[in-house]
C-alpha cells in the first residue's frame, strides 16, 4: 500500500482505529508487563534480604 500524504498514512485506508488501537494496546501491555516484572523482582529481592538477615537463615 502506498500513501500520498501523511494523512493517508494515518487514516490507514479506513482501518486507522483498528491499526493504531492495536499498536496502542500492545504498547500499554508491554509497559504494564515491564512494571509487573520490576515489582515482582523487587519483592523477590526483599524476600531474599529478609531471609539472609533472619537469625536461622531460613525463609519463613
PDB file of N, CA and C in Angstrom:
ATOM      1  N   UNK A   1       0.844  -1.167   0.000  1.00  0.00           N
ATOM      2  CA  UNK A   1       0.000   0.000   0.000  1.00  0.00           C
ATOM      3  C   UNK A   1       0.889   1.229   0.000  1.00  0.00           C
ATOM      4  N   UNK A   2       0.549   2.193  -0.812  1.00  0.00           N
ATOM      5  CA  UNK A   2       1.305   3.447  -0.863  1.00  0.00           C
ATOM      6  C   UNK A   2       0.417   4.578  -0.366  1.00  0.00           C
ATOM      7  N   UNK A   3       1.054   5.540   0.233  1.00  0.00           N
ATOM      8  CA  UNK A   3       0.334   6.688   0.770  1.00  0.00           C
ATOM      9  C   UNK A   3       0.827   7.942   0.084  1.00  0.00           C
ATOM     10  N   UNK A   4      -0.106   8.778  -0.294  1.00  0.00           N
ATOM     11  CA  UNK A   4       0.238  10.022  -0.971  1.00  0.00           C
ATOM     12  C   UNK A   4       0.536  11.153  -0.018  1.00  0.00           C
ATOM     13  N   UNK A   5       0.101  11.006   1.236  1.00  0.00           N
ATOM     14  CA  UNK A   5       0.334  12.074   2.211  1.00  0.00           C
ATOM     15  C   UNK A   5       0.368  11.470   3.610  1.00  0.00           C
ATOM     16  N   UNK A   6       0.756  12.277   4.549  1.00  0.00           N
ATOM     17  CA  UNK A   6       0.787  11.839   5.950  1.00  0.00           C
ATOM     18  C   UNK A   6      -0.620  11.477   6.425  1.00  0.00           C
ATOM     19  N   UNK A   7      -1.609  12.246   5.997  1.00  0.00           N
ATOM     20  CA  UNK A   7      -2.983  11.956   6.385  1.00  0.00           C
ATOM     21  C   UNK A   7      -3.428  10.592   5.867  1.00  0.00           C
ATOM     22  N   UNK A   8      -3.075  10.265   4.623  1.00  0.00           N
ATOM     23  CA  UNK A   8      -3.415   8.942   4.078  1.00  0.00           C
ATOM     24  C   UNK A   8      -2.781   7.837   4.918  1.00  0.00           C
ATOM     25  N   UNK A   9      -1.544   8.073   5.341  1.00  0.00           N
ATOM     26  CA  UNK A   9      -0.854   7.091   6.187  1.00  0.00           C
ATOM     27  C   UNK A   9      -1.582   6.932   7.526  1.00  0.00           C
ATOM     28  N   UNK A  10      -1.931   8.043   8.157  1.00  0.00           N
ATOM     29  CA  UNK A  10      -2.582   7.992   9.466  1.00  0.00           C
ATOM     30  C   UNK A  10      -3.973   7.368   9.394  1.00  0.00           C
ATOM     31  N   UNK A  11      -4.674   7.554   8.287  1.00  0.00           N
ATOM     32  CA  UNK A  11      -6.016   7.007   8.120  1.00  0.00           C
ATOM     33  C   UNK A  11      -5.963   5.503   7.841  1.00  0.00           C
ATOM     34  N   UNK A  12      -4.853   5.020   7.292  1.00  0.00           N
ATOM     35  CA  UNK A  12      -4.625   3.593   7.028  1.00  0.00           C
ATOM     36  C   UNK A  12      -5.730   2.959   6.194  1.00  0.00           C
ATOM     37  N   UNK A  13      -6.163   3.650   5.179  1.00  0.00           N
ATOM     38  CA  UNK A  13      -7.166   3.083   4.283  1.00  0.00           C
ATOM     39  C   UNK A  13      -8.495   2.802   4.958  1.00  0.00           C
ATOM     40  N   UNK A  14      -8.819   3.533   5.990  1.00  0.00           N
ATOM     41  CA  UNK A  14     -10.080   3.341   6.696  1.00  0.00           C
ATOM     42  C   UNK A  14      -9.984   2.419   7.897  1.00  0.00           C
ATOM     43  N   UNK A  15      -8.802   1.852   8.132  1.00  0.00           N
ATOM     44  CA  UNK A  15      -8.620   0.926   9.244  1.00  0.00           C
ATOM     45  C   UNK A  15      -7.800   1.536  10.386  1.00  0.00           C
ATOM     46  N   UNK A  16      -7.749   2.846  10.447  1.00  0.00           N
ATOM     47  CA  UNK A  16      -6.901   3.531  11.416  1.00  0.00           C
ATOM     48  C   UNK A  16      -7.247   3.155  12.857  1.00  0.00           C
ATOM     49  N   UNK A  17      -8.507   3.096  13.192  1.00  0.00           N
ATOM     50  CA  UNK A  17      -8.897   2.788  14.565  1.00  0.00           C
ATOM     51  C   UNK A  17      -8.373   1.410  14.974  1.00  0.00           C
ATOM     52  N   UNK A  18      -8.508   0.434  14.096  1.00  0.00           N
ATOM     53  CA  UNK A  18      -8.030  -0.917  14.382  1.00  0.00           C
ATOM     54  C   UNK A  18      -6.500  -0.957  14.454  1.00  0.00           C
ATOM     55  N   UNK A  19      -5.843  -0.361  13.455  1.00  0.00           N
ATOM     56  CA  UNK A  19      -4.374  -0.403  13.386  1.00  0.00           C
ATOM     57  C   UNK A  19      -3.759   0.336  14.552  1.00  0.00           C
ATOM     58  N   UNK A  20      -4.119   1.585  14.740  1.00  0.00           N
ATOM     59  CA  UNK A  20      -3.492   2.383  15.803  1.00  0.00           C
ATOM     60  C   UNK A  20      -3.956   1.924  17.183  1.00  0.00           C
ATOM     61  N   UNK A  21      -5.181   1.444  17.273  1.00  0.00           N
ATOM     62  CA  UNK A  21      -5.645   0.885  18.544  1.00  0.00           C
ATOM     63  C   UNK A  21      -4.852  -0.358  18.927  1.00  0.00           C
ATOM     64  N   UNK A  22      -4.522  -1.174  17.938  1.00  0.00           N
ATOM     65  CA  UNK A  22      -3.717  -2.372  18.188  1.00  0.00           C
ATOM     66  C   UNK A  22      -2.313  -2.004  18.642  1.00  0.00           C
ATOM     67  N   UNK A  23      -1.704  -1.040  17.955  1.00  0.00           N
ATOM     68  CA  UNK A  23      -0.375  -0.583  18.365  1.00  0.00           C
ATOM     69  C   UNK A  23      -0.421   0.010  19.779  1.00  0.00           C
ATOM     70  N   UNK A  24      -1.441   0.792  20.046  1.00  0.00           N
ATOM     71  CA  UNK A  24      -1.566   1.403  21.370  1.00  0.00           C
ATOM     72  C   UNK A  24      -1.752   0.364  22.466  1.00  0.00           C
ATOM     73  N   UNK A  25      -2.600  -0.623  22.222  1.00  0.00           N
ATOM     74  CA  UNK A  25      -2.825  -1.670  23.217  1.00  0.00           C
ATOM     75  C   UNK A  25      -1.561  -2.481  23.445  1.00  0.00           C
ATOM     76  N   UNK A  26      -0.842  -2.784  22.383  1.00  0.00           N
ATOM     77  CA  UNK A  26       0.420  -3.530  22.521  1.00  0.00           C
ATOM     78  C   UNK A  26       1.424  -2.728  23.352  1.00  0.00           C
ATOM     79  N   UNK A  27       1.502  -1.432  23.134  1.00  0.00           N
ATOM     80  CA  UNK A  27       2.422  -0.589  23.894  1.00  0.00           C
ATOM     81  C   UNK A  27       2.021  -0.542  25.368  1.00  0.00           C
ATOM     82  N   UNK A  28       0.731  -0.381  25.635  1.00  0.00           N
ATOM     83  CA  UNK A  28       0.246  -0.346  27.017  1.00  0.00           C
ATOM     84  C   UNK A  28       0.551  -1.659  27.728  1.00  0.00           C
ATOM     85  N   UNK A  29       0.301  -2.773  27.059  1.00  0.00           N
ATOM     86  CA  UNK A  29       0.555  -4.076  27.675  1.00  0.00           C
ATOM     87  C   UNK A  29       2.045  -4.330  27.879  1.00  0.00           C
ATOM     88  N   UNK A  30       2.881  -3.862  26.963  1.00  0.00           N
ATOM     89  CA  UNK A  30       4.334  -4.018  27.135  1.00  0.00           C
ATOM     90  C   UNK A  30       4.816  -3.231  28.341  1.00  0.00           C
ATOM     91  N   UNK A  31       4.338  -2.017  28.507  1.00  0.00           N
ATOM     92  CA  UNK A  31       4.710  -1.199  29.669  1.00  0.00           C
ATOM     93  C   UNK A  31       4.194  -1.839  30.952  1.00  0.00           C
ATOM     94  N   UNK A  32       2.962  -2.340  30.936  1.00  0.00           N
ATOM     95  CA  UNK A  32       2.400  -2.993  32.125  1.00  0.00           C
ATOM     96  C   UNK A  32       3.208  -4.234  32.492  1.00  0.00           C
ATOM     97  N   UNK A  33       3.641  -5.004  31.501  1.00  0.00           N
ATOM     98  CA  UNK A  33       4.444  -6.196  31.767  1.00  0.00           C
ATOM     99  C   UNK A  33       5.793  -5.829  32.385  1.00  0.00           C
ATOM    100  N   UNK A  34       6.422  -4.792  31.874  1.00  0.00           N
ATOM    101  CA  UNK A  34       7.700  -4.341  32.431  1.00  0.00           C
ATOM    102  C   UNK A  34       7.522  -3.894  33.877  1.00  0.00           C
ATOM    103  N   UNK A  35       6.454  -3.153  34.153  1.00  0.00           N
ATOM    104  CA  UNK A  35       6.199  -2.698  35.526  1.00  0.00           C
ATOM    105  C   UNK A  35       5.934  -3.885  36.450  1.00  0.00           C
ATOM    106  N   UNK A  36       5.178  -4.874  35.977  1.00  0.00           N
ATOM    107  CA  UNK A  36       4.890  -6.056  36.789  1.00  0.00           C
ATOM    108  C   UNK A  36       6.167  -6.843  37.069  1.00  0.00           C
ATOM    109  N   UNK A  37       7.023  -6.978  36.065  1.00  0.00           N
ATOM    110  CA  UNK A  37       8.290  -7.690  36.268  1.00  0.00           C
ATOM    111  C   UNK A  37       9.179  -6.976  37.282  1.00  0.00           C
ATOM    112  N   UNK A  38       9.228  -5.664  37.203  1.00  0.00           N
ATOM    113  CA  UNK A  38      10.036  -4.906  38.168  1.00  0.00           C
ATOM    114  C   UNK A  38       9.502  -5.064  39.591  1.00  0.00           C
ATOM    115  N   UNK A  39       8.194  -5.026  39.734  1.00  0.00           N
ATOM    116  CA  UNK A  39       7.596  -5.190  41.059  1.00  0.00           C
ATOM    117  C   UNK A  39       7.861  -6.592  41.601  1.00  0.00           C
ATOM    118  N   UNK A  40       7.739  -7.600  40.737  1.00  0.00           N
ATOM    119  CA  UNK A  40       7.992  -8.975  41.153  1.00  0.00           C
ATOM    120  C   UNK A  40       9.454  -9.170  41.554  1.00  0.00           C
ATOM    121  N   UNK A  41      10.366  -8.565  40.796  1.00  0.00           N
ATOM    122  CA  UNK A  41      11.788  -8.657  41.127  1.00  0.00           C
ATOM    123  C   UNK A  41      12.074  -7.972  42.458  1.00  0.00           C
ATOM    124  N   UNK A  42      11.464  -6.805  42.655  1.00  0.00           N
ATOM    125  CA  UNK A  42      11.659  -6.067  43.906  1.00  0.00           C
ATOM    126  C   UNK A  42      11.179  -6.901  45.097  1.00  0.00           C
ATOM    127  N   UNK A  43      10.024  -7.543  44.959  1.00  0.00           N
ATOM    128  CA  UNK A  43       9.515  -8.386  46.052  1.00  0.00           C
ATOM    129  C   UNK A  43      10.438  -9.577  46.301  1.00  0.00           C
ATOM    130  N   UNK A  44      10.939 -10.190  45.230  1.00  0.00           N
ATOM    131  CA  UNK A  44      11.842 -11.327  45.388  1.00  0.00           C
ATOM    132  C   UNK A  44      13.138 -10.907  46.072  1.00  0.00           C
ATOM    133  N   UNK A  45      13.674  -9.758  45.683  1.00  0.00           N
ATOM    134  CA  UNK A  45      14.914  -9.272  46.306  1.00  0.00           C
ATOM    135  C   UNK A  45      14.686  -8.940  47.783  1.00  0.00           C
ATOM    136  N   UNK A  46      13.550  -8.339  48.109  1.00  0.00           N
ATOM    137  CA  UNK A  46      13.229  -8.057  49.511  1.00  0.00           C
ATOM    138  C   UNK A  46      13.124  -9.344  50.311  1.00  0.00           C
ATOM    139  N   UNK A  47      12.498 -10.347  49.716  1.00  0.00           N
ATOM    140  CA  UNK A  47      12.361 -11.651  50.377  1.00  0.00           C
ATOM    141  C   UNK A  47      13.740 -12.263  50.641  1.00  0.00           C
ATOM    142  N   UNK A  48      14.634 -12.170  49.669  1.00  0.00           N
ATOM    143  CA  UNK A  48      15.990 -12.700  49.855  1.00  0.00           C
ATOM    144  C   UNK A  48      16.745 -11.946  50.943  1.00  0.00           C
ATOM    145  N   UNK A  49      16.591 -10.627  50.967  1.00  0.00           N
ATOM    146  CA  UNK A  49      17.253  -9.829  52.009  1.00  0.00           C
ATOM    147  C   UNK A  49      16.741 -10.215  53.397  1.00  0.00           C
ATOM    148  N   UNK A  50      15.414 -10.396  53.505  1.00  0.00           N
ATOM    149  CA  UNK A  50      14.851 -10.803  54.796  1.00  0.00           C
ATOM    150  C   UNK A  50      15.364 -12.178  55.201  1.00  0.00           C
ATOM    151  N   UNK A  51      15.459 -13.079  54.242  1.00  0.00           N
ATOM    152  CA  UNK A  51      15.923 -14.441  54.539  1.00  0.00           C
ATOM    153  C   UNK A  51      17.386 -14.431  54.978  1.00  0.00           C
ATOM    154  N   UNK A  52      18.202 -13.601  54.358  1.00  0.00           N
ATOM    155  CA  UNK A  52      19.614 -13.517  54.732  1.00  0.00           C
ATOM    156  C   UNK A  52      19.803 -12.916  56.110  1.00  0.00           C
ATOM    157  N   UNK A  53      18.936 -11.994  56.460  1.00  0.00           N
ATOM    158  CA  UNK A  53      19.087 -11.327  57.747  1.00  0.00           C
ATOM    159  C   UNK A  53      18.399 -12.093  58.888  1.00  0.00           C
ATOM    160  N   UNK A  54      17.641 -13.144  58.567  1.00  0.00           N
ATOM    161  CA  UNK A  54      16.989 -13.959  59.609  1.00  0.00           C
ATOM    162  C   UNK A  54      18.057 -14.678  60.408  1.00  0.00           C
ATOM    163  N   UNK A  55      17.850 -14.815  61.714  1.00  0.00           N
ATOM    164  CA  UNK A  55      18.859 -15.446  62.561  1.00  0.00           C
ATOM    165  C   UNK A  55      19.188 -16.890  62.161  1.00  0.00           C
ATOM    166  N   UNK A  56      18.184 -17.641  61.741  1.00  0.00           N
ATOM    167  CA  UNK A  56      18.445 -19.041  61.376  1.00  0.00           C
ATOM    168  C   UNK A  56      18.708 -19.211  59.878  1.00  0.00           C
ATOM    169  N   UNK A  57      18.613 -18.132  59.105  1.00  0.00           N
ATOM    170  CA  UNK A  57      18.890 -18.171  57.677  1.00  0.00           C
ATOM    171  C   UNK A  57      17.812 -18.842  56.867  1.00  0.00           C
ATOM    172  N   UNK A  58      16.692 -19.156  57.469  1.00  0.00           N
ATOM    173  CA  UNK A  58      15.621 -19.831  56.720  1.00  0.00           C
ATOM    174  C   UNK A  58      14.659 -18.808  56.150  1.00  0.00           C
ATOM    175  N   UNK A  59      13.912 -19.278  55.197  1.00  0.00           N
ATOM    176  CA  UNK A  59      12.874 -18.433  54.608  1.00  0.00           C
ATOM    177  C   UNK A  59      11.540 -18.846  55.198  1.00  0.00           C
ATOM    178  N   UNK A  60      11.014 -18.048  56.063  1.00  0.00           N
ATOM    179  CA  UNK A  60       9.728 -18.256  56.744  1.00  0.00           C
ATOM    180  C   UNK A  60       9.652 -19.577  57.382  1.00  0.00           C
TER     181      UNK A  60
END
